[in-house]
N, C-alpha and C. Protein backbone atom coordinates (compact mmCIF):
# COMPACT_ATOMS: atom_id res chain seq x y z
N UNK A 1 -116.34 15.16 -219.65
CA UNK A 1 -115.16 16.08 -220.04
C UNK A 1 -114.58 14.12 -219.20
N UNK A 2 -114.61 13.37 -217.20
CA UNK A 2 -114.46 12.14 -217.44
C UNK A 2 -114.61 11.58 -218.95
N UNK A 3 -115.50 11.34 -219.42
CA UNK A 3 -115.76 10.95 -220.77
C UNK A 3 -114.86 11.39 -221.64
N UNK A 4 -114.79 11.92 -222.15
CA UNK A 4 -113.45 12.28 -222.21
C UNK A 4 -112.44 11.90 -222.07
N UNK A 5 -112.24 11.99 -221.31
CA UNK A 5 -110.54 11.57 -221.18
C UNK A 5 -110.54 9.86 -221.12
N UNK A 6 -111.64 9.32 -220.27
CA UNK A 6 -111.73 7.82 -220.28
C UNK A 6 -111.18 7.63 -221.90
N UNK A 7 -112.07 8.14 -222.29
CA UNK A 7 -112.05 7.39 -224.11
C UNK A 7 -110.52 7.87 -224.75
N UNK A 8 -109.36 9.05 -224.51
CA UNK A 8 -108.10 9.26 -224.64
C UNK A 8 -107.11 8.66 -223.76
N UNK A 9 -107.18 7.81 -223.22
CA UNK A 9 -106.21 8.02 -221.42
C UNK A 9 -106.20 7.02 -222.14
N UNK A 10 -104.16 7.43 -222.32
CA UNK A 10 -103.09 6.40 -222.97
C UNK A 10 -102.24 5.93 -224.52
N UNK A 11 -103.40 8.03 -225.02
CA UNK A 11 -103.29 7.81 -225.74
C UNK A 11 -102.01 9.03 -226.42
N UNK A 12 -101.28 8.90 -226.89
CA UNK A 12 -99.64 10.00 -225.77
C UNK A 12 -100.33 11.09 -227.06
N UNK A 13 -101.24 10.59 -228.21
CA UNK A 13 -101.28 12.30 -229.84
C UNK A 13 -103.06 12.64 -228.74
N UNK A 14 -103.26 12.31 -227.49
CA UNK A 14 -105.31 12.36 -227.57
C UNK A 14 -104.77 15.05 -228.01
N UNK A 15 -103.95 15.14 -226.75
CA UNK A 15 -104.25 15.90 -226.55
C UNK A 15 -104.66 17.32 -228.09
N UNK A 16 -103.17 16.64 -228.67
CA UNK A 16 -103.03 17.76 -230.22
C UNK A 16 -104.38 17.67 -231.07
N UNK A 17 -105.11 16.14 -230.76
CA UNK A 17 -106.01 16.17 -231.18
C UNK A 17 -106.92 17.15 -231.62
N UNK A 18 -107.60 16.85 -229.79
CA UNK A 18 -107.82 17.40 -228.99
C UNK A 18 -107.99 19.03 -228.85
N UNK A 19 -106.51 19.57 -228.71
CA UNK A 19 -106.60 21.11 -229.18
C UNK A 19 -107.02 21.41 -230.29
N UNK A 20 -106.79 20.41 -231.82
CA UNK A 20 -107.33 20.82 -233.76
C UNK A 20 -108.97 20.82 -232.75
N UNK A 21 -109.78 20.23 -231.81
CA UNK A 21 -111.60 19.65 -232.18
C UNK A 21 -111.36 21.14 -231.31
N UNK A 22 -111.54 21.74 -230.45
CA UNK A 22 -111.82 22.81 -230.25
C UNK A 22 -111.09 24.13 -230.06
N UNK A 23 -111.07 24.26 -231.82
CA UNK A 23 -111.03 25.53 -233.21
C UNK A 23 -111.26 24.64 -233.67
N UNK A 24 -110.99 23.63 -233.65
CA UNK A 24 -111.51 23.33 -235.40
C UNK A 24 -113.38 23.29 -235.02
N UNK A 25 -113.68 22.41 -234.13
CA UNK A 25 -115.46 22.46 -233.90
C UNK A 25 -115.04 20.44 -234.28
N UNK A 26 -116.18 20.02 -234.23
CA UNK A 26 -116.64 19.63 -235.03
C UNK A 26 -118.09 18.38 -234.23
N UNK A 27 -117.80 17.18 -235.16
CA UNK A 27 -118.82 16.94 -234.41
C UNK A 27 -119.41 14.58 -235.05
N UNK A 28 -120.45 14.25 -234.59
CA UNK A 28 -120.91 12.72 -234.87
C UNK A 28 -120.44 12.08 -233.29
N UNK A 29 -119.53 12.45 -232.60
CA UNK A 29 -118.66 11.67 -232.19
C UNK A 29 -119.14 11.53 -230.55
N UNK A 30 -119.86 12.47 -230.18
CA UNK A 30 -120.63 12.55 -229.14
C UNK A 30 -121.91 12.17 -228.79
N UNK A 31 -122.61 12.93 -229.92
CA UNK A 31 -123.43 12.73 -230.20
C UNK A 31 -124.26 13.73 -231.35
N UNK A 32 -125.44 14.06 -231.72
CA UNK A 32 -124.94 14.53 -232.53
C UNK A 32 -125.55 16.26 -233.27
N UNK A 33 -125.18 16.60 -232.13
CA UNK A 33 -125.40 18.30 -231.33
C UNK A 33 -123.92 18.33 -232.02
N UNK A 34 -123.43 19.40 -233.35
CA UNK A 34 -121.43 19.13 -233.74
C UNK A 34 -121.16 20.80 -232.70
N UNK A 35 -120.08 21.18 -231.90
CA UNK A 35 -119.75 21.46 -231.90
C UNK A 35 -118.74 23.00 -231.88
N UNK A 36 -118.77 23.56 -232.24
CA UNK A 36 -119.25 25.18 -232.90
C UNK A 36 -117.65 25.08 -232.78
N UNK A 37 -116.59 26.24 -233.79
CA UNK A 37 -115.58 26.11 -233.62
C UNK A 37 -114.95 26.98 -232.62
N UNK A 38 -114.36 27.47 -231.83
CA UNK A 38 -113.49 28.53 -230.59
C UNK A 38 -112.32 29.20 -231.20
N UNK A 39 -112.47 29.96 -232.35
CA UNK A 39 -111.16 30.05 -233.47
C UNK A 39 -110.40 31.21 -232.03
N UNK A 40 -111.88 32.08 -230.67
CA UNK A 40 -110.95 33.38 -230.33
C UNK A 40 -109.97 32.26 -229.31
N UNK A 41 -109.42 31.06 -228.84
CA UNK A 41 -108.90 30.45 -228.76
C UNK A 41 -107.24 29.56 -228.82
N UNK A 42 -106.49 30.16 -228.43
CA UNK A 42 -105.37 30.23 -229.07
C UNK A 42 -105.33 29.10 -229.15
N UNK A 43 -104.14 29.02 -230.28
CA UNK A 43 -103.74 26.99 -230.53
C UNK A 43 -103.28 26.88 -228.93
N UNK A 44 -101.91 27.43 -228.01
CA UNK A 44 -102.02 27.67 -226.58
C UNK A 44 -102.27 27.33 -225.93
N UNK A 45 -103.51 27.90 -225.45
CA UNK A 45 -104.76 27.57 -225.01
C UNK A 45 -105.61 26.48 -225.24
N UNK A 46 -105.64 25.83 -226.80
CA UNK A 46 -106.09 24.93 -226.38
C UNK A 46 -105.66 23.72 -226.06
N UNK A 47 -104.67 23.38 -226.64
CA UNK A 47 -103.16 22.61 -226.02
C UNK A 47 -103.64 22.38 -224.32
N UNK A 48 -103.84 23.79 -223.52
CA UNK A 48 -103.72 23.27 -222.13
C UNK A 48 -104.89 23.65 -221.80
N UNK A 49 -106.10 23.84 -222.64
CA UNK A 49 -107.75 23.19 -222.43
C UNK A 49 -107.38 21.96 -222.52
N UNK A 50 -106.73 20.84 -223.61
CA UNK A 50 -107.12 19.32 -223.80
C UNK A 50 -106.39 18.56 -223.55
N UNK A 51 -104.78 18.86 -222.13
CA UNK A 51 -103.52 18.36 -221.44
C UNK A 51 -104.61 18.09 -220.35
N UNK A 52 -105.59 19.26 -219.41
CA UNK A 52 -106.33 18.99 -218.74
C UNK A 52 -108.12 18.42 -218.64
N UNK A 53 -108.53 18.50 -219.95
CA UNK A 53 -109.07 17.54 -219.58
C UNK A 53 -109.08 15.85 -219.53
N UNK A 54 -107.67 15.49 -219.92
CA UNK A 54 -107.75 14.49 -220.24
C UNK A 54 -106.48 13.94 -218.71
N UNK A 55 -106.96 15.30 -217.61
CA UNK A 55 -106.11 15.59 -216.14
C UNK A 55 -107.52 14.09 -215.25
N UNK A 56 -109.03 15.29 -216.05
CA UNK A 56 -110.36 14.31 -215.36
C UNK A 56 -110.40 13.83 -215.18
N UNK A 57 -110.57 12.57 -213.87
CA UNK A 57 -111.01 11.32 -213.74
C UNK A 57 -112.11 11.83 -213.21
C-alpha cells in the first residue's frame, strides 16, 4: 500500500483511476500476478478505499 501511495503521490486523478482498477481488476503494474475484479465493492466504496490507500505513508 505504501508503494502505491508513493507512486501516485501528487496525482489528482489517482483516486478515480485506482477505484476503477479495484473494481475492474488488472495486472502488469506491480508484477505478473493479476488482481481479480472486485465487483462486489460499490463504486463509492472503491473510491473510499482508493482515497485511503493514497493517504498511507
